[in-house]
mmCIF file of all heavy atoms, coordinates in Angstrom:
data_MODEL
# 
_entry.id   MODEL 
# 
loop_
_atom_site.group_PDB 
_atom_site.id 
_atom_site.type_symbol 
_atom_site.label_atom_id 
_atom_site.label_alt_id 
_atom_site.label_comp_id 
_atom_site.label_asym_id 
_atom_site.label_entity_id 
_atom_site.label_seq_id 
_atom_site.pdbx_PDB_ins_code 
_atom_site.Cartn_x 
_atom_site.Cartn_y 
_atom_site.Cartn_z 
_atom_site.occupancy 
_atom_site.B_iso_or_equiv 
_atom_site.pdbx_formal_charge 
_atom_site.auth_seq_id 
_atom_site.auth_comp_id 
_atom_site.auth_asym_id 
_atom_site.auth_atom_id 
_atom_site.pdbx_PDB_model_num 
ATOM 1   N N   . PRO A 1 1  ? 13.567 -56.859 15.123 1.00 0.00 ? 1  PRO A N   1 
ATOM 2   C CA  . PRO A 1 1  ? 12.190 -56.449 15.463 1.00 0.00 ? 1  PRO A CA  1 
ATOM 3   C C   . PRO A 1 1  ? 11.183 -57.568 15.140 1.00 0.00 ? 1  PRO A C   1 
ATOM 4   O O   . PRO A 1 1  ? 11.504 -58.523 14.462 1.00 0.00 ? 1  PRO A O   1 
ATOM 5   C CB  . PRO A 1 1  ? 11.954 -55.212 14.590 1.00 0.00 ? 1  PRO A CB  1 
ATOM 6   C CG  . PRO A 1 1  ? 12.832 -55.456 13.379 1.00 0.00 ? 1  PRO A CG  1 
ATOM 7   C CD  . PRO A 1 1  ? 14.040 -56.153 13.897 1.00 0.00 ? 1  PRO A CD  1 
ATOM 8   N N   . LEU A 1 2  ? 9.969  -57.372 15.641 1.00 0.00 ? 2  LEU A N   1 
ATOM 9   C CA  . LEU A 1 2  ? 8.886  -58.339 15.389 1.00 0.00 ? 2  LEU A CA  1 
ATOM 10  C C   . LEU A 1 2  ? 7.760  -57.617 14.627 1.00 0.00 ? 2  LEU A C   1 
ATOM 11  O O   . LEU A 1 2  ? 6.719  -57.256 15.201 1.00 0.00 ? 2  LEU A O   1 
ATOM 12  C CB  . LEU A 1 2  ? 8.354  -58.915 16.705 1.00 0.00 ? 2  LEU A CB  1 
ATOM 13  C CG  . LEU A 1 2  ? 9.312  -59.833 17.483 1.00 0.00 ? 2  LEU A CG  1 
ATOM 14  C CD1 . LEU A 1 2  ? 8.716  -60.240 18.824 1.00 0.00 ? 2  LEU A CD1 1 
ATOM 15  C CD2 . LEU A 1 2  ? 9.664  -61.079 16.666 1.00 0.00 ? 2  LEU A CD2 1 
ATOM 16  N N   . GLU A 1 3  ? 8.006  -57.380 13.326 1.00 0.00 ? 3  GLU A N   1 
ATOM 17  C CA  . GLU A 1 3  ? 6.983  -56.733 12.517 1.00 0.00 ? 3  GLU A CA  1 
ATOM 18  C C   . GLU A 1 3  ? 5.680  -57.573 12.548 1.00 0.00 ? 3  GLU A C   1 
ATOM 19  O O   . GLU A 1 3  ? 5.723  -58.784 12.624 1.00 0.00 ? 3  GLU A O   1 
ATOM 20  C CB  . GLU A 1 3  ? 7.415  -56.555 11.072 1.00 0.00 ? 3  GLU A CB  1 
ATOM 21  C CG  . GLU A 1 3  ? 8.580  -55.624 10.896 1.00 0.00 ? 3  GLU A CG  1 
ATOM 22  C CD  . GLU A 1 3  ? 9.919  -56.340 10.860 1.00 0.00 ? 3  GLU A CD  1 
ATOM 23  O OE1 . GLU A 1 3  ? 9.990  -57.495 11.340 1.00 0.00 ? 3  GLU A OE1 1 
ATOM 24  O OE2 . GLU A 1 3  ? 10.904 -55.750 10.343 1.00 0.00 ? 3  GLU A OE2 1 
ATOM 25  N N   . HIS A 1 4  ? 4.549  -56.895 12.474 1.00 0.00 ? 4  HIS A N   1 
ATOM 26  C CA  . HIS A 1 4  ? 3.223  -57.481 12.537 1.00 0.00 ? 4  HIS A CA  1 
ATOM 27  C C   . HIS A 1 4  ? 2.865  -57.950 13.953 1.00 0.00 ? 4  HIS A C   1 
ATOM 28  O O   . HIS A 1 4  ? 1.928  -58.726 14.130 1.00 0.00 ? 4  HIS A O   1 
ATOM 29  C CB  . HIS A 1 4  ? 3.070  -58.663 11.557 1.00 0.00 ? 4  HIS A CB  1 
ATOM 30  C CG  . HIS A 1 4  ? 3.550  -58.374 10.183 1.00 0.00 ? 4  HIS A CG  1 
ATOM 31  N ND1 . HIS A 1 4  ? 2.946  -57.461 9.358  1.00 0.00 ? 4  HIS A ND1 1 
ATOM 32  C CD2 . HIS A 1 4  ? 4.610  -58.870 9.475  1.00 0.00 ? 4  HIS A CD2 1 
ATOM 33  C CE1 . HIS A 1 4  ? 3.582  -57.410 8.198  1.00 0.00 ? 4  HIS A CE1 1 
ATOM 34  N NE2 . HIS A 1 4  ? 4.595  -58.250 8.247  1.00 0.00 ? 4  HIS A NE2 1 
ATOM 35  N N   . CYS A 1 5  ? 3.599  -57.426 14.986 1.00 0.00 ? 5  CYS A N   1 
ATOM 36  C CA  . CYS A 1 5  ? 3.223  -57.749 16.346 1.00 0.00 ? 5  CYS A CA  1 
ATOM 37  C C   . CYS A 1 5  ? 1.859  -57.165 16.640 1.00 0.00 ? 5  CYS A C   1 
ATOM 38  O O   . CYS A 1 5  ? 1.495  -56.089 16.148 1.00 0.00 ? 5  CYS A O   1 
ATOM 39  C CB  . CYS A 1 5  ? 4.275  -57.239 17.325 1.00 0.00 ? 5  CYS A CB  1 
ATOM 40  S SG  . CYS A 1 5  ? 4.655  -55.478 17.167 1.00 0.00 ? 5  CYS A SG  1 
ATOM 41  N N   . ASP A 1 6  ? 1.074  -57.868 17.438 1.00 0.00 ? 6  ASP A N   1 
ATOM 42  C CA  . ASP A 1 6  ? -0.330 -57.480 17.679 1.00 0.00 ? 6  ASP A CA  1 
ATOM 43  C C   . ASP A 1 6  ? -0.586 -57.575 19.172 1.00 0.00 ? 6  ASP A C   1 
ATOM 44  O O   . ASP A 1 6  ? 0.031  -56.906 19.991 1.00 0.00 ? 6  ASP A O   1 
ATOM 45  C CB  . ASP A 1 6  ? -1.232 -58.375 16.833 1.00 0.00 ? 6  ASP A CB  1 
ATOM 46  C CG  . ASP A 1 6  ? -2.573 -57.752 16.527 1.00 0.00 ? 6  ASP A CG  1 
ATOM 47  O OD1 . ASP A 1 6  ? -3.107 -57.050 17.408 1.00 0.00 ? 6  ASP A OD1 1 
ATOM 48  O OD2 . ASP A 1 6  ? -3.142 -57.985 15.445 1.00 0.00 ? 6  ASP A OD2 1 
ATOM 49  N N   . GLY A 1 7  ? -1.514 -58.464 19.598 1.00 0.00 ? 7  GLY A N   1 
ATOM 50  C CA  . GLY A 1 7  ? -1.839 -58.596 21.013 1.00 0.00 ? 7  GLY A CA  1 
ATOM 51  C C   . GLY A 1 7  ? -0.730 -59.207 21.813 1.00 0.00 ? 7  GLY A C   1 
ATOM 52  O O   . GLY A 1 7  ? 0.082  -60.011 21.293 1.00 0.00 ? 7  GLY A O   1 
ATOM 53  N N   . LEU A 1 8  ? -0.665 -58.837 23.092 1.00 0.00 ? 8  LEU A N   1 
ATOM 54  C CA  . LEU A 1 8  ? 0.368  -59.329 24.002 1.00 0.00 ? 8  LEU A CA  1 
ATOM 55  C C   . LEU A 1 8  ? -0.289 -60.010 25.203 1.00 0.00 ? 8  LEU A C   1 
ATOM 56  O O   . LEU A 1 8  ? -1.372 -59.651 25.637 1.00 0.00 ? 8  LEU A O   1 
ATOM 57  C CB  . LEU A 1 8  ? 1.231  -58.173 24.509 1.00 0.00 ? 8  LEU A CB  1 
ATOM 58  C CG  . LEU A 1 8  ? 1.877  -57.234 23.487 1.00 0.00 ? 8  LEU A CG  1 
ATOM 59  C CD1 . LEU A 1 8  ? 2.659  -56.135 24.206 1.00 0.00 ? 8  LEU A CD1 1 
ATOM 60  C CD2 . LEU A 1 8  ? 2.790  -58.006 22.532 1.00 0.00 ? 8  LEU A CD2 1 
ATOM 61  N N   . ALA A 1 9  ? 0.457  -60.955 25.797 1.00 0.00 ? 9  ALA A N   1 
ATOM 62  C CA  . ALA A 1 9  ? 0.078  -61.546 27.090 1.00 0.00 ? 9  ALA A CA  1 
ATOM 63  C C   . ALA A 1 9  ? 1.357  -61.751 27.860 1.00 0.00 ? 9  ALA A C   1 
ATOM 64  O O   . ALA A 1 9  ? 2.414  -62.036 27.264 1.00 0.00 ? 9  ALA A O   1 
ATOM 65  C CB  . ALA A 1 9  ? -0.654 -62.888 26.891 1.00 0.00 ? 9  ALA A CB  1 
ATOM 66  N N   . ILE A 1 10 ? 1.296  -61.611 29.185 1.00 0.00 ? 10 ILE A N   1 
ATOM 67  C CA  . ILE A 1 10 ? 2.496  -61.722 29.980 1.00 0.00 ? 10 ILE A CA  1 
ATOM 68  C C   . ILE A 1 10 ? 2.259  -62.675 31.145 1.00 0.00 ? 10 ILE A C   1 
ATOM 69  O O   . ILE A 1 10 ? 1.175  -62.707 31.743 1.00 0.00 ? 10 ILE A O   1 
ATOM 70  C CB  . ILE A 1 10 ? 2.977  -60.327 30.466 1.00 0.00 ? 10 ILE A CB  1 
ATOM 71  C CG1 . ILE A 1 10 ? 4.410  -60.410 30.974 1.00 0.00 ? 10 ILE A CG1 1 
ATOM 72  C CG2 . ILE A 1 10 ? 2.011  -59.728 31.501 1.00 0.00 ? 10 ILE A CG2 1 
ATOM 73  C CD1 . ILE A 1 10 ? 5.076  -59.053 31.067 1.00 0.00 ? 10 ILE A CD1 1 
ATOM 74  N N   . ASP A 1 11 ? 3.300  -63.449 31.484 1.00 0.00 ? 11 ASP A N   1 
ATOM 75  C CA  . ASP A 1 11 ? 3.260  -64.409 32.605 1.00 0.00 ? 11 ASP A CA  1 
ATOM 76  C C   . ASP A 1 11 ? 4.621  -64.340 33.276 1.00 0.00 ? 11 ASP A C   1 
ATOM 77  O O   . ASP A 1 11 ? 5.571  -64.910 32.773 1.00 0.00 ? 11 ASP A O   1 
ATOM 78  C CB  . ASP A 1 11 ? 2.937  -65.820 32.104 1.00 0.00 ? 11 ASP A CB  1 
ATOM 79  C CG  . ASP A 1 11 ? 2.900  -66.817 33.257 1.00 0.00 ? 11 ASP A CG  1 
ATOM 80  O OD1 . ASP A 1 11 ? 2.651  -66.394 34.397 1.00 0.00 ? 11 ASP A OD1 1 
ATOM 81  O OD2 . ASP A 1 11 ? 3.141  -68.005 32.993 1.00 0.00 ? 11 ASP A OD2 1 
ATOM 82  N N   . GLY A 1 12 ? 4.706  -63.578 34.383 1.00 0.00 ? 12 GLY A N   1 
ATOM 83  C CA  . GLY A 1 12 ? 6.027  -63.364 34.979 1.00 0.00 ? 12 GLY A CA  1 
ATOM 84  C C   . GLY A 1 12 ? 6.879  -62.544 34.055 1.00 0.00 ? 12 GLY A C   1 
ATOM 85  O O   . GLY A 1 12 ? 6.496  -61.468 33.586 1.00 0.00 ? 12 GLY A O   1 
ATOM 86  N N   . THR A 1 13 ? 8.055  -63.076 33.717 1.00 0.00 ? 13 THR A N   1 
ATOM 87  C CA  . THR A 1 13 ? 8.934  -62.362 32.770 1.00 0.00 ? 13 THR A CA  1 
ATOM 88  C C   . THR A 1 13 ? 8.812  -62.947 31.347 1.00 0.00 ? 13 THR A C   1 
ATOM 89  O O   . THR A 1 13 ? 9.622  -62.585 30.482 1.00 0.00 ? 13 THR A O   1 
ATOM 90  C CB  . THR A 1 13 ? 10.393 -62.462 33.235 1.00 0.00 ? 13 THR A CB  1 
ATOM 91  O OG1 . THR A 1 13 ? 10.758 -63.841 33.375 1.00 0.00 ? 13 THR A OG1 1 
ATOM 92  C CG2 . THR A 1 13 ? 10.595 -61.759 34.561 1.00 0.00 ? 13 THR A CG2 1 
ATOM 93  N N   . THR A 1 14 ? 7.831  -63.788 31.128 1.00 0.00 ? 14 THR A N   1 
ATOM 94  C CA  . THR A 1 14 ? 7.609  -64.324 29.768 1.00 0.00 ? 14 THR A CA  1 
ATOM 95  C C   . THR A 1 14 ? 6.539  -63.538 29.085 1.00 0.00 ? 14 THR A C   1 
ATOM 96  O O   . THR A 1 14 ? 5.406  -63.434 29.560 1.00 0.00 ? 14 THR A O   1 
ATOM 97  C CB  . THR A 1 14 ? 7.203  -65.810 29.830 1.00 0.00 ? 14 THR A CB  1 
ATOM 98  O OG1 . THR A 1 14 ? 8.227  -66.578 30.469 1.00 0.00 ? 14 THR A OG1 1 
ATOM 99  C CG2 . THR A 1 14 ? 6.990  -66.348 28.424 1.00 0.00 ? 14 THR A CG2 1 
ATOM 100 N N   . LEU A 1 15 ? 6.898  -62.952 27.949 1.00 0.00 ? 15 LEU A N   1 
ATOM 101 C CA  . LEU A 1 15 ? 5.971  -62.160 27.145 1.00 0.00 ? 15 LEU A CA  1 
ATOM 102 C C   . LEU A 1 15 ? 5.597  -62.946 25.895 1.00 0.00 ? 15 LEU A C   1 
ATOM 103 O O   . LEU A 1 15 ? 6.500  -63.411 25.180 1.00 0.00 ? 15 LEU A O   1 
ATOM 104 C CB  . LEU A 1 15 ? 6.598  -60.827 26.735 1.00 0.00 ? 15 LEU A CB  1 
ATOM 105 C CG  . LEU A 1 15 ? 5.781  -59.913 25.838 1.00 0.00 ? 15 LEU A CG  1 
ATOM 106 C CD1 . LEU A 1 15 ? 4.590  -59.342 26.618 1.00 0.00 ? 15 LEU A CD1 1 
ATOM 107 C CD2 . LEU A 1 15 ? 6.642  -58.779 25.279 1.00 0.00 ? 15 LEU A CD2 1 
ATOM 108 N N   . TYR A 1 16 ? 4.312  -63.122 25.659 1.00 0.00 ? 16 TYR A N   1 
ATOM 109 C CA  . TYR A 1 16 ? 3.825  -63.783 24.455 1.00 0.00 ? 16 TYR A CA  1 
ATOM 110 C C   . TYR A 1 16 ? 3.319  -62.728 23.481 1.00 0.00 ? 16 TYR A C   1 
ATOM 111 O O   . TYR A 1 16 ? 2.564  -61.836 23.873 1.00 0.00 ? 16 TYR A O   1 
ATOM 112 C CB  . TYR A 1 16 ? 2.690  -64.757 24.805 1.00 0.00 ? 16 TYR A CB  1 
ATOM 113 C CG  . TYR A 1 16 ? 3.106  -65.895 25.705 1.00 0.00 ? 16 TYR A CG  1 
ATOM 114 C CD1 . TYR A 1 16 ? 2.865  -65.821 27.066 1.00 0.00 ? 16 TYR A CD1 1 
ATOM 115 C CD2 . TYR A 1 16 ? 3.730  -67.029 25.190 1.00 0.00 ? 16 TYR A CD2 1 
ATOM 116 C CE1 . TYR A 1 16 ? 3.225  -66.886 27.917 1.00 0.00 ? 16 TYR A CE1 1 
ATOM 117 C CE2 . TYR A 1 16 ? 4.091  -68.074 26.023 1.00 0.00 ? 16 TYR A CE2 1 
ATOM 118 C CZ  . TYR A 1 16 ? 3.844  -67.993 27.380 1.00 0.00 ? 16 TYR A CZ  1 
ATOM 119 O OH  . TYR A 1 16 ? 4.207  -69.027 28.213 1.00 0.00 ? 16 TYR A OH  1 
ATOM 120 N N   . VAL A 1 17 ? 3.770  -62.826 22.230 1.00 0.00 ? 17 VAL A N   1 
ATOM 121 C CA  . VAL A 1 17 ? 3.447  -61.811 21.229 1.00 0.00 ? 17 VAL A CA  1 
ATOM 122 C C   . VAL A 1 17 ? 2.753  -62.482 20.049 1.00 0.00 ? 17 VAL A C   1 
ATOM 123 O O   . VAL A 1 17 ? 3.319  -63.355 19.385 1.00 0.00 ? 17 VAL A O   1 
ATOM 124 C CB  . VAL A 1 17 ? 4.733  -61.123 20.713 1.00 0.00 ? 17 VAL A CB  1 
ATOM 125 C CG1 . VAL A 1 17 ? 4.372  -60.020 19.709 1.00 0.00 ? 17 VAL A CG1 1 
ATOM 126 C CG2 . VAL A 1 17 ? 5.542  -60.555 21.878 1.00 0.00 ? 17 VAL A CG2 1 
ATOM 127 N N   . ALA A 1 18 ? 1.501  -62.073 19.759 1.00 0.00 ? 18 ALA A N   1 
ATOM 128 C CA  . ALA A 1 18 ? 0.840  -62.558 18.557 1.00 0.00 ? 18 ALA A CA  1 
ATOM 129 C C   . ALA A 1 18 ? 1.454  -61.827 17.374 1.00 0.00 ? 18 ALA A C   1 
ATOM 130 O O   . ALA A 1 18 ? 1.394  -60.603 17.288 1.00 0.00 ? 18 ALA A O   1 
ATOM 131 C CB  . ALA A 1 18 ? -0.658 -62.288 18.637 1.00 0.00 ? 18 ALA A CB  1 
ATOM 132 N N   . VAL A 1 19 ? 2.029  -62.592 16.437 1.00 0.00 ? 19 VAL A N   1 
ATOM 133 C CA  . VAL A 1 19 ? 2.646  -62.010 15.238 1.00 0.00 ? 19 VAL A CA  1 
ATOM 134 C C   . VAL A 1 19 ? 1.720  -62.410 14.091 1.00 0.00 ? 19 VAL A C   1 
ATOM 135 O O   . VAL A 1 19 ? 1.843  -63.478 13.510 1.00 0.00 ? 19 VAL A O   1 
ATOM 136 C CB  . VAL A 1 19 ? 4.074  -62.506 15.034 1.00 0.00 ? 19 VAL A CB  1 
ATOM 137 C CG1 . VAL A 1 19 ? 4.735  -61.745 13.887 1.00 0.00 ? 19 VAL A CG1 1 
ATOM 138 C CG2 . VAL A 1 19 ? 4.896  -62.333 16.292 1.00 0.00 ? 19 VAL A CG2 1 
ATOM 139 N N   . ASN A 1 20 ? 0.742  -61.538 13.796 1.00 0.00 ? 20 ASN A N   1 
ATOM 140 C CA  . ASN A 1 20 ? -0.407 -61.937 13.004 1.00 0.00 ? 20 ASN A CA  1 
ATOM 141 C C   . ASN A 1 20 ? -0.083 -62.452 11.586 1.00 0.00 ? 20 ASN A C   1 
ATOM 142 O O   . ASN A 1 20 ? -0.469 -63.535 11.207 1.00 0.00 ? 20 ASN A O   1 
ATOM 143 C CB  . ASN A 1 20 ? -1.457 -60.819 12.964 1.00 0.00 ? 20 ASN A CB  1 
ATOM 144 C CG  . ASN A 1 20 ? -0.906 -59.487 12.480 1.00 0.00 ? 20 ASN A CG  1 
ATOM 145 O OD1 . ASN A 1 20 ? -0.110 -59.409 11.566 1.00 0.00 ? 20 ASN A OD1 1 
ATOM 146 N ND2 . ASN A 1 20 ? -1.420 -58.404 13.084 1.00 0.00 ? 20 ASN A ND2 1 
ATOM 147 N N   . ALA A 1 21 ? 0.640  -61.647 10.799 1.00 0.00 ? 21 ALA A N   1 
ATOM 148 C CA  . ALA A 1 21 ? 0.865  -62.031 9.399  1.00 0.00 ? 21 ALA A CA  1 
ATOM 149 C C   . ALA A 1 21 ? 1.820  -63.224 9.288  1.00 0.00 ? 21 ALA A C   1 
ATOM 150 O O   . ALA A 1 21 ? 1.883  -63.870 8.226  1.00 0.00 ? 21 ALA A O   1 
ATOM 151 C CB  . ALA A 1 21 ? 1.420  -60.849 8.607  1.00 0.00 ? 21 ALA A CB  1 
ATOM 152 N N   . ARG A 1 22 ? 2.554  -63.525 10.346 1.00 0.00 ? 22 ARG A N   1 
ATOM 153 C CA  . ARG A 1 22 ? 3.440  -64.692 10.319 1.00 0.00 ? 22 ARG A CA  1 
ATOM 154 C C   . ARG A 1 22 ? 2.738  -65.952 10.856 1.00 0.00 ? 22 ARG A C   1 
ATOM 155 O O   . ARG A 1 22 ? 3.338  -67.019 10.927 1.00 0.00 ? 22 ARG A O   1 
ATOM 156 C CB  . ARG A 1 22 ? 4.713  -64.419 11.141 1.00 0.00 ? 22 ARG A CB  1 
ATOM 157 C CG  . ARG A 1 22 ? 5.582  -63.288 10.597 1.00 0.00 ? 22 ARG A CG  1 
ATOM 158 C CD  . ARG A 1 22 ? 6.824  -63.154 11.446 1.00 0.00 ? 22 ARG A CD  1 
ATOM 159 N NE  . ARG A 1 22 ? 7.620  -61.988 11.083 1.00 0.00 ? 22 ARG A NE  1 
ATOM 160 C CZ  . ARG A 1 22 ? 8.707  -61.570 11.751 1.00 0.00 ? 22 ARG A CZ  1 
ATOM 161 N NH1 . ARG A 1 22 ? 9.074  -62.233 12.848 1.00 0.00 ? 22 ARG A NH1 1 
ATOM 162 N NH2 . ARG A 1 22 ? 9.356  -60.513 11.354 1.00 0.00 ? 22 ARG A NH2 1 
ATOM 163 N N   . HIS A 1 23 ? 1.528  -65.761 11.342 1.00 0.00 ? 23 HIS A N   1 
ATOM 164 C CA  . HIS A 1 23 ? 0.747  -66.897 11.863 1.00 0.00 ? 23 HIS A CA  1 
ATOM 165 C C   . HIS A 1 23 ? 1.481  -67.611 12.971 1.00 0.00 ? 23 HIS A C   1 
ATOM 166 O O   . HIS A 1 23 ? 1.545  -68.854 13.002 1.00 0.00 ? 23 HIS A O   1 
ATOM 167 C CB  . HIS A 1 23 ? 0.363  -67.860 10.733 1.00 0.00 ? 23 HIS A CB  1 
ATOM 168 C CG  . HIS A 1 23 ? -0.350 -67.203 9.589  1.00 0.00 ? 23 HIS A CG  1 
ATOM 169 N ND1 . HIS A 1 23 ? -1.687 -66.901 9.625  1.00 0.00 ? 23 HIS A ND1 1 
ATOM 170 C CD2 . HIS A 1 23 ? 0.103  -66.768 8.396  1.00 0.00 ? 23 HIS A CD2 1 
ATOM 171 C CE1 . HIS A 1 23 ? -2.040 -66.322 8.490  1.00 0.00 ? 23 HIS A CE1 1 
ATOM 172 N NE2 . HIS A 1 23 ? -0.963 -66.192 7.748  1.00 0.00 ? 23 HIS A NE2 1 
ATOM 173 N N   . GLU A 1 24 ? 2.042  -66.838 13.912 1.00 0.00 ? 24 GLU A N   1 
ATOM 174 C CA  . GLU A 1 24 ? 2.809  -67.450 14.984 1.00 0.00 ? 24 GLU A CA  1 
ATOM 175 C C   . GLU A 1 24 ? 2.741  -66.589 16.249 1.00 0.00 ? 24 GLU A C   1 
ATOM 176 O O   . GLU A 1 24 ? 2.279  -65.452 16.225 1.00 0.00 ? 24 GLU A O   1 
ATOM 177 C CB  . GLU A 1 24 ? 4.285  -67.628 14.564 1.00 0.00 ? 24 GLU A CB  1 
ATOM 178 C CG  . GLU A 1 24 ? 5.017  -66.324 14.344 1.00 0.00 ? 24 GLU A CG  1 
ATOM 179 C CD  . GLU A 1 24 ? 6.431  -66.516 13.862 1.00 0.00 ? 24 GLU A CD  1 
ATOM 180 O OE1 . GLU A 1 24 ? 6.702  -67.570 13.194 1.00 0.00 ? 24 GLU A OE1 1 
ATOM 181 O OE2 . GLU A 1 24 ? 7.278  -65.628 14.125 1.00 0.00 ? 24 GLU A OE2 1 
ATOM 182 N N   . ILE A 1 25 ? 3.219  -67.179 17.345 1.00 0.00 ? 25 ILE A N   1 
ATOM 183 C CA  . ILE A 1 25 ? 3.366  -66.465 18.611 1.00 0.00 ? 25 ILE A CA  1 
ATOM 184 C C   . ILE A 1 25 ? 4.839  -66.446 18.956 1.00 0.00 ? 25 ILE A C   1 
ATOM 185 O O   . ILE A 1 25 ? 5.488  -67.501 19.020 1.00 0.00 ? 25 ILE A O   1 
ATOM 186 C CB  . ILE A 1 25 ? 2.566  -67.139 19.725 1.00 0.00 ? 25 ILE A CB  1 
ATOM 187 C CG1 . ILE A 1 25 ? 1.068  -67.115 19.410 1.00 0.00 ? 25 ILE A CG1 1 
ATOM 188 C CG2 . ILE A 1 25 ? 2.841  -66.482 21.090 1.00 0.00 ? 25 ILE A CG2 1 
ATOM 189 C CD1 . ILE A 1 25 ? 0.222  -67.987 20.288 1.00 0.00 ? 25 ILE A CD1 1 
# 
């Protein structure tokens, strides 16, 4: 799982996930 997942953005079949507490996407 991706705990701390937050906002999402999608481009085709690529999903970008803001993982806030990990300071990463």
